[in-house]
Amino acid sequence: MSRTSAKTKPASIKDVAALAQVSVPTVSRYLNNRERVSEEKQDRIAKAIDLLDYRPSPIARALVSERTKSVTVLSTNITLYGQSETLHGIEQRVRESGYTLNISVLSGGSREELRGNVQRALDQNPAGVILLNYDEISSDSYAFLPPELPVVMIAGDRHPDVAQLSMQENLGGYDITRYLLSLGHDTVVHIMIPGGGGGYSRLNGWRRALSEAGVYAPTPIDARWDPDSGREIGRRLGRDSSVTAIFAGNDEIAMGVIRGLNDVGRRVPEDVSVVGFDDHPIAKIWNPALTTLRQDFRKAGATAFDMLKDKIDDVVAGRGHTENWTRYVEQSGELIIRESAAAPC
């Protein structure tokens, strides 16, 4: 996904460097301490800036002068378990590094409303941004972040032009589905979390496992984030005797599904196996204890901040874009087998 169209995309420091035939660090030195740049290069850079109508980033200038020591997290819902735990991991590393943390909650609606959300976050002049890319709104917001701003994205489909930490949710979905099939179930029903599509998603892992096994893939079922949505779906699926295995997009939905199945007289796991995702703290004390895919959200948050700090340090040192700007880290989950899944009777 491109940030903006070619017509509206502002010139970057890389564009200036290319036109002036100098390095990005040389342009950075010119902008912040031009006495360190030769007169001949100063003239070329000045002409390039004028031709491109380049506006130096206030973010980079503030970093060089050490006027900003804050980072911003963009998220759509900080009350959800995964996002709140990720914030805990970020906050701990932010505090240890002497930075402050701002949290901006993104809302849906129109594209202009989303643009306004992002701009208000940038008005705080953060040194960098961590984007919790757990849904479509978060993914769309990336287009409004300026290219010179240090950004790290957690989760979602791969964006090759940004540093990113992958939670390998597609592998988790694959492992869960393979596990349920290994118990002897004919197929697995998948209940999707909102915005749960994409090649790196739990949905895609489910599809791949069924395809490799040569098994029919039922139509995925959309759910809301809340357990009540899962309960409604559980009641509906419970009335279909052909359903024996369900992979729910997260643990809260899975817990609701179990309650809904019980409402219509279906037992878990004797009649229907149910597996969740995330390993919510309540999962291990649920009845039955929930089999799930554990994700270490706090580790993800801490790692993402460390990645962002590397990018911020590049800006401060005038190094411009380096391999840190497109670094890609994978963090896989762990299948936790408890009591909610069993071989079909």
Protein backbone atom coordinates (compact mmCIF):
# COMPACT_ATOMS: atom_id res chain seq x y z
CA MET A 1 0.00 0.00 0.00
CA SER A 2 1.46 3.36 -0.98
CA ARG A 3 1.27 6.23 1.46
CA THR A 4 -0.03 8.76 -1.05
CA SER A 5 -0.49 9.08 -4.78
CA ALA A 6 2.39 10.24 -6.97
CA LYS A 7 0.65 13.58 -7.48
CA THR A 8 0.37 14.45 -3.81
CA LYS A 9 3.39 12.77 -2.26
CA PRO A 10 5.72 15.47 -0.85
CA ALA A 11 9.41 15.45 -1.71
CA SER A 12 11.60 13.62 0.79
CA ILE A 13 15.17 14.15 1.88
CA LYS A 14 16.10 11.17 -0.33
CA ASP A 15 14.67 13.00 -3.37
CA VAL A 16 16.78 16.06 -2.57
CA ALA A 17 19.90 13.95 -2.17
CA ALA A 18 19.31 12.18 -5.48
CA LEU A 19 18.74 15.41 -7.42
CA ALA A 20 21.74 17.13 -5.82
CA GLN A 21 23.87 14.01 -6.32
CA VAL A 22 24.93 13.88 -2.69
CA SER A 23 24.23 11.50 0.20
CA VAL A 24 21.26 11.77 2.55
CA PRO A 25 23.58 12.51 5.54
CA THR A 26 25.08 15.40 3.54
CA VAL A 27 21.63 16.93 3.03
CA SER A 28 20.94 16.41 6.74
CA ARG A 29 24.16 18.25 7.63
CA TYR A 30 23.24 21.06 5.25
CA LEU A 31 19.84 21.48 6.93
CA ASN A 32 21.22 21.48 10.47
CA ASN A 33 24.81 22.73 10.24
CA ARG A 34 25.60 23.81 6.68
CA GLU A 35 29.10 25.06 7.61
CA ARG A 36 30.13 21.39 7.57
CA VAL A 37 29.16 21.13 3.86
CA SER A 38 31.31 22.47 1.00
CA GLU A 39 30.05 25.56 -0.82
CA GLU A 40 29.74 23.64 -4.07
CA LYS A 41 27.49 21.01 -2.45
CA GLN A 42 25.55 23.70 -0.60
CA ASP A 43 24.69 25.28 -3.94
CA ARG A 44 23.53 21.97 -5.46
CA ILE A 45 21.42 21.10 -2.43
CA ALA A 46 19.83 24.56 -2.28
CA LYS A 47 18.84 24.34 -5.96
CA ALA A 48 17.40 20.84 -5.44
CA ILE A 49 15.35 22.02 -2.45
CA ASP A 50 13.99 24.91 -4.49
CA LEU A 51 13.13 22.75 -7.52
CA LEU A 52 11.41 20.07 -5.43
CA ASP A 53 9.73 22.56 -3.08
CA TYR A 54 11.11 20.42 -0.24
CA ARG A 55 10.00 21.21 3.31
CA PRO A 56 12.45 19.88 5.90
CA SER A 57 10.87 17.55 8.41
CA PRO A 58 10.25 19.22 11.79
CA ILE A 59 10.54 15.73 13.26
CA ALA A 60 14.12 15.24 12.08
CA ARG A 61 15.13 18.76 13.09
CA ALA A 62 13.66 18.34 16.54
CA LEU A 63 15.50 15.06 16.97
CA VAL A 64 18.83 16.56 15.98
CA SER A 65 18.39 19.37 18.49
CA GLU A 66 17.12 16.87 21.11
CA ARG A 67 13.87 18.77 21.61
CA THR A 68 11.62 15.67 21.48
CA LYS A 69 11.90 12.49 23.49
CA SER A 70 8.48 10.95 22.95
CA VAL A 71 7.00 8.17 20.86
CA THR A 72 3.40 7.66 19.81
CA VAL A 73 1.45 4.41 19.56
CA LEU A 74 -1.42 4.28 17.08
CA SER A 75 -4.11 1.75 17.98
CA THR A 76 -7.81 1.22 17.31
CA ASN A 77 -8.80 -0.35 20.62
CA ILE A 78 -6.50 -0.37 23.64
CA THR A 79 -9.06 -2.29 25.74
CA LEU A 80 -8.53 -5.54 23.80
CA TYR A 81 -6.20 -8.01 25.49
CA GLY A 82 -3.59 -8.21 22.73
CA GLN A 83 -3.31 -4.47 22.21
CA SER A 84 -3.25 -3.63 25.92
CA GLU A 85 -0.52 -6.22 26.57
CA THR A 86 1.50 -4.89 23.64
CA LEU A 87 1.25 -1.42 25.16
CA HIS A 88 2.60 -2.77 28.46
CA GLY A 89 5.68 -4.06 26.66
CA ILE A 90 6.20 -0.79 24.81
CA GLU A 91 5.68 1.33 27.93
CA GLN A 92 8.30 -0.56 29.93
CA ARG A 93 11.00 -0.10 27.29
CA VAL A 94 9.99 3.52 26.69
CA ARG A 95 10.42 4.28 30.39
CA GLU A 96 13.77 2.48 30.57
CA SER A 97 15.04 4.47 27.58
CA GLY A 98 14.08 7.87 29.01
CA TYR A 99 11.30 8.55 26.50
CA THR A 100 7.66 9.38 27.12
CA LEU A 101 4.71 7.58 25.56
CA ASN A 102 1.65 9.03 23.82
CA ILE A 103 -1.28 6.85 22.78
CA SER A 104 -3.60 7.88 19.96
CA VAL A 105 -6.76 5.87 19.35
CA LEU A 106 -7.80 5.62 15.71
CA SER A 107 -11.45 5.59 14.76
CA GLY A 108 -13.28 4.38 11.67
CA GLY A 109 -15.58 6.42 9.51
CA SER A 110 -14.33 8.31 6.48
CA ARG A 111 -10.81 8.45 5.13
CA GLU A 112 -10.64 12.13 6.02
CA GLU A 113 -11.58 11.34 9.62
CA LEU A 114 -8.76 8.80 9.78
CA ARG A 115 -6.35 11.31 8.27
CA GLY A 116 -7.38 13.79 10.97
CA ASN A 117 -6.75 11.18 13.70
CA VAL A 118 -3.25 10.59 12.41
CA GLN A 119 -2.48 14.29 11.97
CA ARG A 120 -3.50 15.05 15.55
CA ALA A 121 -1.09 12.36 16.71
CA LEU A 122 1.69 13.86 14.58
CA ASP A 123 0.96 17.34 15.94
CA GLN A 124 2.54 16.11 19.18
CA ASN A 125 5.83 15.94 17.21
CA PRO A 126 6.80 12.38 18.21
CA ALA A 127 10.28 11.05 17.58
CA GLY A 128 8.67 7.98 16.06
CA VAL A 129 5.49 5.94 15.81
CA ILE A 130 4.59 2.33 16.60
CA LEU A 131 1.53 1.20 14.67
CA LEU A 132 -0.46 -1.70 16.14
CA ASN A 133 -1.57 -3.09 12.80
CA TYR A 134 -4.20 -5.54 14.04
CA ASP A 135 -7.06 -4.48 11.76
CA GLU A 136 -8.00 -2.69 8.54
CA ILE A 137 -8.28 0.79 10.08
CA SER A 138 -4.75 0.57 11.45
CA SER A 139 -3.44 -0.66 8.10
CA ASP A 140 -5.10 2.24 6.28
CA SER A 141 -3.63 4.80 8.67
CA TYR A 142 -0.09 3.96 7.53
CA ALA A 143 -0.70 5.87 4.30
CA PHE A 144 -0.86 9.14 6.27
CA LEU A 145 2.51 8.79 8.01
CA PRO A 146 5.31 10.86 6.43
CA PRO A 147 8.13 8.80 4.87
CA GLU A 148 10.86 10.52 6.91
CA LEU A 149 9.21 9.62 10.23
CA PRO A 150 10.64 6.57 12.03
CA VAL A 151 7.85 3.99 12.09
CA VAL A 152 7.60 0.38 13.27
CA MET A 153 4.55 -1.72 12.50
CA ILE A 154 3.44 -4.68 14.62
CA ALA A 155 1.51 -7.50 12.89
CA GLY A 156 -0.46 -7.43 9.64
CA ASP A 157 0.59 -8.07 6.08
CA ARG A 158 4.17 -7.32 5.14
CA HIS A 159 4.94 -3.72 4.16
CA PRO A 160 8.39 -3.93 2.49
CA ASP A 161 9.16 -0.22 2.99
CA VAL A 162 8.78 -0.19 6.79
CA ALA A 163 10.34 -1.90 9.79
CA GLN A 164 7.91 -4.51 10.99
CA LEU A 165 7.44 -7.17 13.64
CA SER A 166 5.36 -10.10 12.42
CA MET A 167 3.36 -12.10 14.97
CA GLN A 168 3.23 -14.93 12.38
CA GLU A 169 -0.51 -15.21 12.87
CA ASN A 170 -0.82 -17.16 9.63
CA LEU A 171 1.49 -19.84 11.05
CA GLY A 172 -0.57 -19.90 14.25
CA GLY A 173 -3.80 -20.41 12.31
CA TYR A 174 -2.11 -23.14 10.32
CA ASP A 175 -0.89 -24.95 13.46
CA ILE A 176 -4.30 -24.80 15.15
CA THR A 177 -6.09 -26.17 12.10
CA ARG A 178 -3.55 -28.94 11.61
CA TYR A 179 -3.94 -29.89 15.27
CA LEU A 180 -7.71 -30.15 15.04
CA LEU A 181 -7.47 -32.21 11.86
CA SER A 182 -4.93 -34.50 13.53
CA LEU A 183 -7.56 -35.31 16.17
CA GLY A 184 -9.72 -36.78 13.43
CA HIS A 185 -12.16 -33.98 12.61
CA ASP A 186 -13.40 -33.92 9.01
CA THR A 187 -12.98 -30.15 8.72
CA VAL A 188 -12.67 -27.01 10.86
CA VAL A 189 -15.01 -24.01 10.99
CA HIS A 190 -13.22 -20.68 11.35
CA ILE A 191 -14.72 -17.63 13.08
CA MET A 192 -12.88 -14.51 11.93
CA ILE A 193 -11.87 -11.53 14.02
CA PRO A 194 -12.80 -8.13 12.50
CA GLY A 195 -10.46 -7.21 9.65
CA GLY A 196 -8.92 -10.67 9.84
CA GLY A 197 -8.09 -11.10 6.15
CA GLY A 198 -4.77 -10.84 4.34
CA GLY A 199 -1.97 -13.20 3.46
CA TYR A 200 -0.37 -13.05 6.92
CA SER A 201 -3.63 -13.65 8.79
CA ARG A 202 -5.03 -16.43 10.97
CA LEU A 203 -7.63 -16.92 8.25
CA ASN A 204 -4.97 -17.56 5.62
CA GLY A 205 -3.22 -20.12 7.85
CA TRP A 206 -6.53 -21.95 8.34
CA ARG A 207 -7.14 -22.02 4.60
CA ARG A 208 -3.64 -23.31 3.86
CA ALA A 209 -3.90 -26.15 6.37
CA LEU A 210 -7.26 -27.30 4.97
CA SER A 211 -5.99 -27.04 1.40
CA GLU A 212 -2.87 -29.08 2.13
CA ALA A 213 -5.01 -31.75 3.79
CA GLY A 214 -7.41 -31.81 0.84
CA VAL A 215 -10.27 -30.89 3.15
CA TYR A 216 -13.35 -28.82 2.33
CA ALA A 217 -13.17 -25.28 3.78
CA PRO A 218 -16.49 -24.04 5.18
CA THR A 219 -17.32 -20.37 4.60
CA PRO A 220 -15.56 -18.30 7.31
CA ILE A 221 -17.88 -16.62 9.80
CA ASP A 222 -17.51 -12.92 10.68
CA ALA A 223 -17.56 -11.97 14.37
CA ARG A 224 -17.32 -8.84 16.44
CA TRP A 225 -14.64 -8.50 19.09
CA ASP A 226 -16.96 -9.17 22.05
CA PRO A 227 -17.83 -12.60 23.57
CA ASP A 228 -21.55 -11.96 23.01
CA SER A 229 -20.87 -12.21 19.28
CA GLY A 230 -19.21 -15.58 19.87
CA ARG A 231 -22.16 -16.76 21.91
CA GLU A 232 -24.59 -15.93 19.11
CA ILE A 233 -22.43 -17.81 16.63
CA GLY A 234 -22.04 -20.74 19.03
CA ARG A 235 -25.80 -21.14 19.30
CA ARG A 236 -26.14 -21.12 15.53
CA LEU A 237 -23.32 -23.59 14.93
CA GLY A 238 -24.54 -25.77 17.79
CA ARG A 239 -27.71 -26.51 15.85
CA ASP A 240 -25.66 -27.98 12.98
CA SER A 241 -24.71 -31.53 13.92
CA SER A 242 -22.03 -31.63 11.19
CA VAL A 243 -19.92 -29.06 13.07
CA THR A 244 -17.39 -30.85 15.30
CA ALA A 245 -14.40 -28.45 15.34
CA ILE A 246 -14.24 -24.65 15.60
CA PHE A 247 -11.22 -22.37 15.41
CA ALA A 248 -12.20 -18.99 16.90
CA GLY A 249 -10.21 -15.89 15.96
CA ASN A 250 -9.43 -15.00 19.57
CA ASP A 251 -10.02 -16.37 23.06
CA GLU A 252 -12.86 -14.03 24.00
CA ILE A 253 -14.81 -15.14 20.93
CA ALA A 254 -13.96 -18.78 21.71
CA MET A 255 -15.30 -18.42 25.26
CA GLY A 256 -18.52 -16.96 23.89
CA VAL A 257 -18.77 -19.82 21.40
CA ILE A 258 -18.46 -22.40 24.17
CA ARG A 259 -21.25 -20.70 26.12
CA GLY A 260 -23.43 -20.59 23.00
CA LEU A 261 -22.85 -24.28 22.28
CA ASN A 262 -23.82 -25.11 25.87
CA ASP A 263 -26.98 -23.03 25.47
CA VAL A 264 -28.25 -25.43 22.78
CA GLY A 265 -27.08 -28.62 24.51
CA ARG A 266 -23.72 -29.21 22.76
CA ARG A 267 -20.84 -30.21 25.03
CA VAL A 268 -17.22 -29.09 24.68
CA PRO A 269 -15.11 -31.03 23.82
CA GLU A 270 -17.28 -34.18 23.75
CA ASP A 271 -19.52 -32.90 20.92
CA VAL A 272 -17.57 -29.95 19.54
CA SER A 273 -13.91 -28.99 19.90
CA VAL A 274 -13.17 -25.28 20.25
CA VAL A 275 -9.74 -23.62 20.00
CA GLY A 276 -8.97 -19.93 20.55
CA PHE A 277 -6.06 -17.60 19.85
CA ASP A 278 -3.87 -15.30 22.04
CA ASP A 279 -3.91 -17.13 25.43
CA HIS A 280 -5.97 -14.66 27.43
CA PRO A 281 -5.35 -14.98 31.21
CA ILE A 282 -8.88 -16.35 31.68
CA ALA A 283 -8.33 -19.08 29.06
CA LYS A 284 -6.64 -21.48 31.47
CA ILE A 285 -9.39 -21.20 34.10
CA TRP A 286 -12.32 -21.33 31.66
CA ASN A 287 -14.56 -24.38 31.73
CA PRO A 288 -13.25 -26.30 29.93
CA ALA A 289 -9.73 -24.85 29.96
CA LEU A 290 -9.18 -23.40 26.52
CA THR A 291 -6.72 -24.79 24.00
CA THR A 292 -5.22 -21.75 22.27
CA LEU A 293 -2.25 -20.18 20.49
CA ARG A 294 -0.14 -18.18 22.95
CA GLN A 295 1.27 -14.89 21.70
CA ASP A 296 3.86 -12.97 23.73
CA PHE A 297 2.43 -9.49 23.24
CA ARG A 298 4.65 -7.83 25.83
CA LYS A 299 7.77 -9.15 24.11
CA ALA A 300 6.41 -7.89 20.80
CA GLY A 301 5.91 -4.41 22.25
CA ALA A 302 9.39 -4.30 23.78
CA THR A 303 11.03 -5.53 20.57
CA ALA A 304 9.09 -3.02 18.47
CA PHE A 305 10.30 -0.12 20.62
CA ASP A 306 13.91 -1.32 20.35
CA MET A 307 13.49 -1.40 16.56
CA LEU A 308 12.04 2.11 16.62
CA LYS A 309 14.86 3.40 18.81
CA ASP A 310 17.37 2.16 16.23
CA LYS A 311 15.57 4.18 13.57
CA ILE A 312 15.41 7.28 15.75
CA ASP A 313 19.15 6.98 16.38
CA ASP A 314 19.70 6.89 12.61
CA VAL A 315 17.89 10.23 12.27
CA VAL A 316 19.77 11.82 15.17
CA ALA A 317 23.10 10.71 13.69
CA GLY A 318 22.13 12.02 10.25
CA ARG A 319 22.44 8.56 8.71
CA GLY A 320 19.12 8.78 6.86
CA HIS A 321 17.45 5.54 5.78
CA THR A 322 19.45 2.39 6.61
CA GLU A 323 18.61 -1.28 6.86
CA ASN A 324 16.94 -0.44 10.19
CA TRP A 325 14.16 1.26 8.24
CA THR A 326 13.03 -1.97 6.58
CA ARG A 327 14.07 -4.48 9.22
CA TYR A 328 11.72 -7.45 9.53
CA VAL A 329 11.44 -9.55 12.70
CA GLU A 330 9.31 -12.67 13.10
CA GLN A 331 7.89 -13.74 16.46
CA SER A 332 5.98 -17.00 16.41
CA GLY A 333 3.35 -18.16 18.88
CA GLU A 334 3.04 -21.44 20.79
CA LEU A 335 0.17 -23.91 20.67
CA ILE A 336 -1.09 -24.49 24.24
CA ILE A 337 -3.09 -27.73 24.51
CA ARG A 338 -5.65 -27.80 27.31
CA GLU A 339 -9.12 -29.35 27.58
CA SER A 340 -11.39 -27.76 24.97
CA ALA A 341 -10.39 -29.95 22.01
CA ALA A 342 -10.57 -33.71 21.62
CA ALA A 343 -11.11 -36.43 19.03
CA PRO A 344 -14.70 -36.55 17.70
CA CYS A 345 -16.96 -39.12 19.31
